[in-house]
C-alpha cells in the first residue's frame, strides 16, 4: 500500500512545546535560582501540569523582548 504510514519512512522530530526549568534557564543563560526568582516575581509565566512547572518558548522570547533583548 503506497499510503501506509509504516512504510512512509522516519517521522521528523517534533519540537518540544514546553521546557523544563533547567531547559528554560539554559535557554536564557541564567542559573535555575535566577529563573525561579523571575518566576516568583511574576516576570516569567509558567504552565503548571499537576505538580510539574514548564515554560513556553514564546514566554521566554517575550521576556527577552521586554528586557532589552533586541538591542
PDB file of N, CA and C in Angstrom:
ATOM      1  N   UNK A   1       0.825  -1.177   0.000  1.00  0.00           N
ATOM      2  CA  UNK A   1       0.000   0.000   0.000  1.00  0.00           C
ATOM      3  C   UNK A   1       0.879   1.253   0.000  1.00  0.00           C
ATOM      4  N   UNK A   2       0.704   2.175  -0.935  1.00  0.00           N
ATOM      5  CA  UNK A   2       1.560   3.352  -1.003  1.00  0.00           C
ATOM      6  C   UNK A   2       1.304   4.367   0.108  1.00  0.00           C
ATOM      7  N   UNK A   3       0.126   4.377   0.717  1.00  0.00           N
ATOM      8  CA  UNK A   3      -0.172   5.355   1.761  1.00  0.00           C
ATOM      9  C   UNK A   3      -0.035   4.784   3.170  1.00  0.00           C
ATOM     10  N   UNK A   4       0.595   3.660   3.303  1.00  0.00           N
ATOM     11  CA  UNK A   4       0.769   3.028   4.603  1.00  0.00           C
ATOM     12  C   UNK A   4       1.785   3.834   5.424  1.00  0.00           C
ATOM     13  N   UNK A   5       1.386   4.389   6.605  1.00  0.00           N
ATOM     14  CA  UNK A   5       2.304   5.210   7.397  1.00  0.00           C
ATOM     15  C   UNK A   5       3.527   4.447   7.890  1.00  0.00           C
ATOM     16  N   UNK A   6       3.417   3.135   8.023  1.00  0.00           N
ATOM     17  CA  UNK A   6       4.568   2.358   8.472  1.00  0.00           C
ATOM     18  C   UNK A   6       5.642   2.254   7.403  1.00  0.00           C
ATOM     19  N   UNK A   7       5.269   2.453   6.148  1.00  0.00           N
ATOM     20  CA  UNK A   7       6.227   2.354   5.052  1.00  0.00           C
ATOM     21  C   UNK A   7       6.696   3.729   4.565  1.00  0.00           C
ATOM     22  N   UNK A   8       6.187   4.788   5.161  1.00  0.00           N
ATOM     23  CA  UNK A   8       6.476   6.140   4.689  1.00  0.00           C
ATOM     24  C   UNK A   8       7.866   6.629   5.079  1.00  0.00           C
ATOM     25  N   UNK A   9       8.540   5.962   5.963  1.00  0.00           N
ATOM     26  CA  UNK A   9       9.866   6.398   6.377  1.00  0.00           C
ATOM     27  C   UNK A   9       9.832   7.059   7.745  1.00  0.00           C
ATOM     28  N   UNK A  10      10.980   7.539   8.201  1.00  0.00           N
ATOM     29  CA  UNK A  10      11.057   8.125   9.540  1.00  0.00           C
ATOM     30  C   UNK A  10      10.250   9.428   9.634  1.00  0.00           C
ATOM     31  N   UNK A  11       9.649   9.615  10.779  1.00  0.00           N
ATOM     32  CA  UNK A  11       8.891  10.836  11.050  1.00  0.00           C
ATOM     33  C   UNK A  11       9.852  11.896  11.557  1.00  0.00           C
ATOM     34  N   UNK A  12       9.734  13.134  11.048  1.00  0.00           N
ATOM     35  CA  UNK A  12      10.630  14.184  11.541  1.00  0.00           C
ATOM     36  C   UNK A  12      10.374  14.457  13.020  1.00  0.00           C
ATOM     37  N   UNK A  13      11.399  14.814  13.767  1.00  0.00           N
ATOM     38  CA  UNK A  13      11.220  15.067  15.200  1.00  0.00           C
ATOM     39  C   UNK A  13      10.302  16.265  15.438  1.00  0.00           C
ATOM     40  N   UNK A  14       9.563  16.209  16.517  1.00  0.00           N
ATOM     41  CA  UNK A  14       8.659  17.287  16.894  1.00  0.00           C
ATOM     42  C   UNK A  14       9.365  18.150  17.936  1.00  0.00           C
ATOM     43  N   UNK A  15       9.377  19.456  17.711  1.00  0.00           N
ATOM     44  CA  UNK A  15       9.989  20.376  18.671  1.00  0.00           C
ATOM     45  C   UNK A  15       9.146  20.399  19.941  1.00  0.00           C
ATOM     46  N   UNK A  16       9.790  20.422  21.112  1.00  0.00           N
ATOM     47  CA  UNK A  16       9.013  20.449  22.352  1.00  0.00           C
ATOM     48  C   UNK A  16       8.210  21.743  22.476  1.00  0.00           C
ATOM     49  N   UNK A  17       7.006  21.638  22.996  1.00  0.00           N
ATOM     50  CA  UNK A  17       6.152  22.800  23.199  1.00  0.00           C
ATOM     51  C   UNK A  17       6.451  23.483  24.530  1.00  0.00           C
ATOM     52  N   UNK A  18       6.924  22.705  25.496  1.00  0.00           N
ATOM     53  CA  UNK A  18       7.207  23.224  26.827  1.00  0.00           C
ATOM     54  C   UNK A  18       8.618  22.852  27.256  1.00  0.00           C
ATOM     55  N   UNK A  19       9.234  23.734  28.043  1.00  0.00           N
ATOM     56  CA  UNK A  19      10.584  23.499  28.540  1.00  0.00           C
ATOM     57  C   UNK A  19      10.561  23.317  30.048  1.00  0.00           C
ATOM     58  N   UNK A  20      11.430  22.462  30.546  1.00  0.00           N
ATOM     59  CA  UNK A  20      11.593  22.324  31.991  1.00  0.00           C
ATOM     60  C   UNK A  20      12.315  23.556  32.517  1.00  0.00           C
ATOM     61  N   UNK A  21      12.366  23.694  33.834  1.00  0.00           N
ATOM     62  CA  UNK A  21      13.085  24.823  34.435  1.00  0.00           C
ATOM     63  C   UNK A  21      14.560  24.788  34.032  1.00  0.00           C
ATOM     64  N   UNK A  22      15.142  23.631  34.022  1.00  0.00           N
ATOM     65  CA  UNK A  22      16.558  23.511  33.647  1.00  0.00           C
ATOM     66  C   UNK A  22      16.772  23.949  32.198  1.00  0.00           C
ATOM     67  N   UNK A  23      15.889  23.492  31.309  1.00  0.00           N
ATOM     68  CA  UNK A  23      15.997  23.862  29.894  1.00  0.00           C
ATOM     69  C   UNK A  23      15.756  25.358  29.690  1.00  0.00           C
ATOM     70  N   UNK A  24      14.765  25.909  30.408  1.00  0.00           N
ATOM     71  CA  UNK A  24      14.457  27.340  30.285  1.00  0.00           C
ATOM     72  C   UNK A  24      15.618  28.184  30.803  1.00  0.00           C
ATOM     73  N   UNK A  25      16.199  27.788  31.921  1.00  0.00           N
ATOM     74  CA  UNK A  25      17.346  28.524  32.474  1.00  0.00           C
ATOM     75  C   UNK A  25      18.516  28.490  31.490  1.00  0.00           C
ATOM     76  N   UNK A  26      18.750  27.338  30.913  1.00  0.00           N
ATOM     77  CA  UNK A  26      19.829  27.214  29.934  1.00  0.00           C
ATOM     78  C   UNK A  26      19.557  28.083  28.713  1.00  0.00           C
ATOM     79  N   UNK A  27      18.305  28.117  28.262  1.00  0.00           N
ATOM     80  CA  UNK A  27      17.939  28.921  27.094  1.00  0.00           C
ATOM     81  C   UNK A  27      18.154  30.408  27.357  1.00  0.00           C
ATOM     82  N   UNK A  28      17.938  30.843  28.609  1.00  0.00           N
ATOM     83  CA  UNK A  28      18.135  32.251  28.974  1.00  0.00           C
ATOM     84  C   UNK A  28      19.559  32.550  29.449  1.00  0.00           C
ATOM     85  N   UNK A  29      20.370  31.522  29.566  1.00  0.00           N
ATOM     86  CA  UNK A  29      21.753  31.650  30.064  1.00  0.00           C
ATOM     87  C   UNK A  29      21.789  32.203  31.485  1.00  0.00           C
ATOM     88  N   UNK A  30      20.887  31.681  32.322  1.00  0.00           N
ATOM     89  CA  UNK A  30      20.880  32.037  33.744  1.00  0.00           C
ATOM     90  C   UNK A  30      20.833  30.743  34.549  1.00  0.00           C
ATOM     91  N   UNK A  31      21.097  30.855  35.840  1.00  0.00           N
ATOM     92  CA  UNK A  31      21.003  29.665  36.684  1.00  0.00           C
ATOM     93  C   UNK A  31      19.537  29.430  37.048  1.00  0.00           C
ATOM     94  N   UNK A  32      19.236  28.235  37.521  1.00  0.00           N
ATOM     95  CA  UNK A  32      17.855  27.905  37.862  1.00  0.00           C
ATOM     96  C   UNK A  32      17.329  28.770  39.001  1.00  0.00           C
ATOM     97  N   UNK A  33      18.198  29.160  39.928  1.00  0.00           N
ATOM     98  CA  UNK A  33      17.765  30.017  41.032  1.00  0.00           C
ATOM     99  C   UNK A  33      17.263  31.359  40.502  1.00  0.00           C
ATOM    100  N   UNK A  34      17.963  31.917  39.526  1.00  0.00           N
ATOM    101  CA  UNK A  34      17.528  33.175  38.920  1.00  0.00           C
ATOM    102  C   UNK A  34      16.195  32.988  38.205  1.00  0.00           C
ATOM    103  N   UNK A  35      16.045  31.878  37.521  1.00  0.00           N
ATOM    104  CA  UNK A  35      14.788  31.586  36.837  1.00  0.00           C
ATOM    105  C   UNK A  35      13.640  31.535  37.830  1.00  0.00           C
ATOM    106  N   UNK A  36      13.839  30.862  38.964  1.00  0.00           N
ATOM    107  CA  UNK A  36      12.786  30.763  39.970  1.00  0.00           C
ATOM    108  C   UNK A  36      12.470  32.136  40.562  1.00  0.00           C
ATOM    109  N   UNK A  37      13.483  32.974  40.745  1.00  0.00           N
ATOM    110  CA  UNK A  37      13.262  34.334  41.251  1.00  0.00           C
ATOM    111  C   UNK A  37      12.407  35.130  40.268  1.00  0.00           C
ATOM    112  N   UNK A  38      12.729  35.053  38.991  1.00  0.00           N
ATOM    113  CA  UNK A  38      11.956  35.748  37.970  1.00  0.00           C
ATOM    114  C   UNK A  38      10.515  35.239  37.933  1.00  0.00           C
ATOM    115  N   UNK A  39      10.359  33.946  38.132  1.00  0.00           N
ATOM    116  CA  UNK A  39       9.025  33.343  38.136  1.00  0.00           C
ATOM    117  C   UNK A  39       8.230  33.833  39.346  1.00  0.00           C
ATOM    118  N   UNK A  40       8.866  33.837  40.514  1.00  0.00           N
ATOM    119  CA  UNK A  40       8.196  34.296  41.739  1.00  0.00           C
ATOM    120  C   UNK A  40       7.747  35.742  41.639  1.00  0.00           C
ATOM    121  N   UNK A  41       8.568  36.576  40.998  1.00  0.00           N
ATOM    122  CA  UNK A  41       8.247  37.992  40.825  1.00  0.00           C
ATOM    123  C   UNK A  41       7.147  38.218  39.797  1.00  0.00           C
ATOM    124  N   UNK A  42       6.811  37.191  39.043  1.00  0.00           N
ATOM    125  CA  UNK A  42       5.794  37.321  38.012  1.00  0.00           C
ATOM    126  C   UNK A  42       6.343  37.833  36.690  1.00  0.00           C
ATOM    127  N   UNK A  43       7.655  37.858  36.559  1.00  0.00           N
ATOM    128  CA  UNK A  43       8.283  38.318  35.318  1.00  0.00           C
ATOM    129  C   UNK A  43       8.264  37.249  34.236  1.00  0.00           C
ATOM    130  N   UNK A  44       8.144  36.004  34.657  1.00  0.00           N
ATOM    131  CA  UNK A  44       8.041  34.871  33.733  1.00  0.00           C
ATOM    132  C   UNK A  44       6.803  34.067  34.085  1.00  0.00           C
ATOM    133  N   UNK A  45       6.013  33.756  33.086  1.00  0.00           N
ATOM    134  CA  UNK A  45       4.823  32.925  33.296  1.00  0.00           C
ATOM    135  C   UNK A  45       5.208  31.457  33.212  1.00  0.00           C
ATOM    136  N   UNK A  46       4.441  30.643  33.892  1.00  0.00           N
ATOM    137  CA  UNK A  46       4.662  29.194  33.848  1.00  0.00           C
ATOM    138  C   UNK A  46       3.385  28.491  33.434  1.00  0.00           C
ATOM    139  N   UNK A  47       3.551  27.279  32.982  1.00  0.00           N
ATOM    140  CA  UNK A  47       2.439  26.373  32.713  1.00  0.00           C
ATOM    141  C   UNK A  47       2.551  25.271  33.751  1.00  0.00           C
ATOM    142  N   UNK A  48       1.498  25.073  34.506  1.00  0.00           N
ATOM    143  CA  UNK A  48       1.511  24.020  35.527  1.00  0.00           C
ATOM    144  C   UNK A  48       0.669  22.839  35.042  1.00  0.00           C
ATOM    145  N   UNK A  49       1.293  21.684  35.068  1.00  0.00           N
ATOM    146  CA  UNK A  49       0.606  20.437  34.740  1.00  0.00           C
ATOM    147  C   UNK A  49       0.776  19.532  35.963  1.00  0.00           C
ATOM    148  N   UNK A  50      -0.278  19.446  36.753  1.00  0.00           N
ATOM    149  CA  UNK A  50      -0.223  18.774  38.057  1.00  0.00           C
ATOM    150  C   UNK A  50       0.870  19.446  38.877  1.00  0.00           C
ATOM    151  N   UNK A  51       1.902  18.735  39.245  1.00  0.00           N
ATOM    152  CA  UNK A  51       2.976  19.325  40.048  1.00  0.00           C
ATOM    153  C   UNK A  51       4.151  19.805  39.203  1.00  0.00           C
ATOM    154  N   UNK A  52       4.081  19.599  37.919  1.00  0.00           N
ATOM    155  CA  UNK A  52       5.178  19.999  37.024  1.00  0.00           C
ATOM    156  C   UNK A  52       5.041  21.460  36.631  1.00  0.00           C
ATOM    157  N   UNK A  53       6.177  22.136  36.564  1.00  0.00           N
ATOM    158  CA  UNK A  53       6.226  23.535  36.127  1.00  0.00           C
ATOM    159  C   UNK A  53       7.000  23.567  34.815  1.00  0.00           C
ATOM    160  N   UNK A  54       6.407  24.184  33.804  1.00  0.00           N
ATOM    161  CA  UNK A  54       7.037  24.271  32.487  1.00  0.00           C
ATOM    162  C   UNK A  54       6.950  25.699  31.969  1.00  0.00           C
ATOM    163  N   UNK A  55       7.806  26.011  31.015  1.00  0.00           N
ATOM    164  CA  UNK A  55       7.874  27.334  30.394  1.00  0.00           C
ATOM    165  C   UNK A  55       7.681  27.188  28.893  1.00  0.00           C
ATOM    166  N   UNK A  56       6.968  28.134  28.284  1.00  0.00           N
ATOM    167  CA  UNK A  56       6.829  28.109  26.836  1.00  0.00           C
ATOM    168  C   UNK A  56       7.941  28.942  26.212  1.00  0.00           C
ATOM    169  N   UNK A  57       8.340  28.546  25.035  1.00  0.00           N
ATOM    170  CA  UNK A  57       9.367  29.279  24.317  1.00  0.00           C
ATOM    171  C   UNK A  57       8.893  30.705  24.029  1.00  0.00           C
ATOM    172  N   UNK A  58       7.622  30.853  23.704  1.00  0.00           N
ATOM    173  CA  UNK A  58       7.101  32.196  23.404  1.00  0.00           C
ATOM    174  C   UNK A  58       7.146  33.100  24.636  1.00  0.00           C
ATOM    175  N   UNK A  59       6.909  32.559  25.837  1.00  0.00           N
ATOM    176  CA  UNK A  59       7.015  33.370  27.053  1.00  0.00           C
ATOM    177  C   UNK A  59       8.465  33.771  27.323  1.00  0.00           C
ATOM    178  N   UNK A  60       9.397  32.878  27.054  1.00  0.00           N
ATOM    179  CA  UNK A  60      10.815  33.218  27.233  1.00  0.00           C
ATOM    180  C   UNK A  60      11.222  34.307  26.244  1.00  0.00           C
ATOM    181  N   UNK A  61      10.764  34.193  24.999  1.00  0.00           N
ATOM    182  CA  UNK A  61      11.081  35.206  23.991  1.00  0.00           C
ATOM    183  C   UNK A  61      10.450  36.552  24.345  1.00  0.00           C
ATOM    184  N   UNK A  62       9.228  36.531  24.876  1.00  0.00           N
ATOM    185  CA  UNK A  62       8.559  37.772  25.291  1.00  0.00           C
ATOM    186  C   UNK A  62       9.327  38.423  26.433  1.00  0.00           C
ATOM    187  N   UNK A  63       9.804  37.629  27.380  1.00  0.00           N
ATOM    188  CA  UNK A  63      10.605  38.146  28.487  1.00  0.00           C
ATOM    189  C   UNK A  63      11.859  38.825  27.968  1.00  0.00           C
ATOM    190  N   UNK A  64      12.526  38.199  27.017  1.00  0.00           N
ATOM    191  CA  UNK A  64      13.735  38.784  26.434  1.00  0.00           C
ATOM    192  C   UNK A  64      13.397  40.104  25.742  1.00  0.00           C
ATOM    193  N   UNK A  65      12.302  40.125  25.016  1.00  0.00           N
ATOM    194  CA  UNK A  65      11.886  41.343  24.317  1.00  0.00           C
ATOM    195  C   UNK A  65      11.576  42.488  25.285  1.00  0.00           C
ATOM    196  N   UNK A  66      10.933  42.164  26.399  1.00  0.00           N
ATOM    197  CA  UNK A  66      10.597  43.196  27.401  1.00  0.00           C
ATOM    198  C   UNK A  66      11.826  43.725  28.118  1.00  0.00           C
ATOM    199  N   UNK A  67      12.882  42.953  28.125  1.00  0.00           N
ATOM    200  CA  UNK A  67      14.070  43.315  28.895  1.00  0.00           C
ATOM    201  C   UNK A  67      15.243  43.708  28.013  1.00  0.00           C
ATOM    202  N   UNK A  68      14.964  44.232  26.846  1.00  0.00           N
ATOM    203  CA  UNK A  68      16.011  44.772  26.001  1.00  0.00           C
ATOM    204  C   UNK A  68      16.806  43.746  25.236  1.00  0.00           C
ATOM    205  N   UNK A  69      16.259  42.564  25.034  1.00  0.00           N
ATOM    206  CA  UNK A  69      16.976  41.517  24.315  1.00  0.00           C
ATOM    207  C   UNK A  69      17.207  41.822  22.853  1.00  0.00           C
ATOM    208  N   UNK A  70      16.442  42.751  22.285  1.00  0.00           N
ATOM    209  CA  UNK A  70      16.592  43.072  20.871  1.00  0.00           C
ATOM    210  C   UNK A  70      17.555  44.214  20.603  1.00  0.00           C
ATOM    211  N   UNK A  71      18.168  44.739  21.661  1.00  0.00           N
ATOM    212  CA  UNK A  71      19.055  45.901  21.484  1.00  0.00           C
ATOM    213  C   UNK A  71      20.482  45.466  21.270  1.00  0.00           C
TER     214      UNK A  71
END
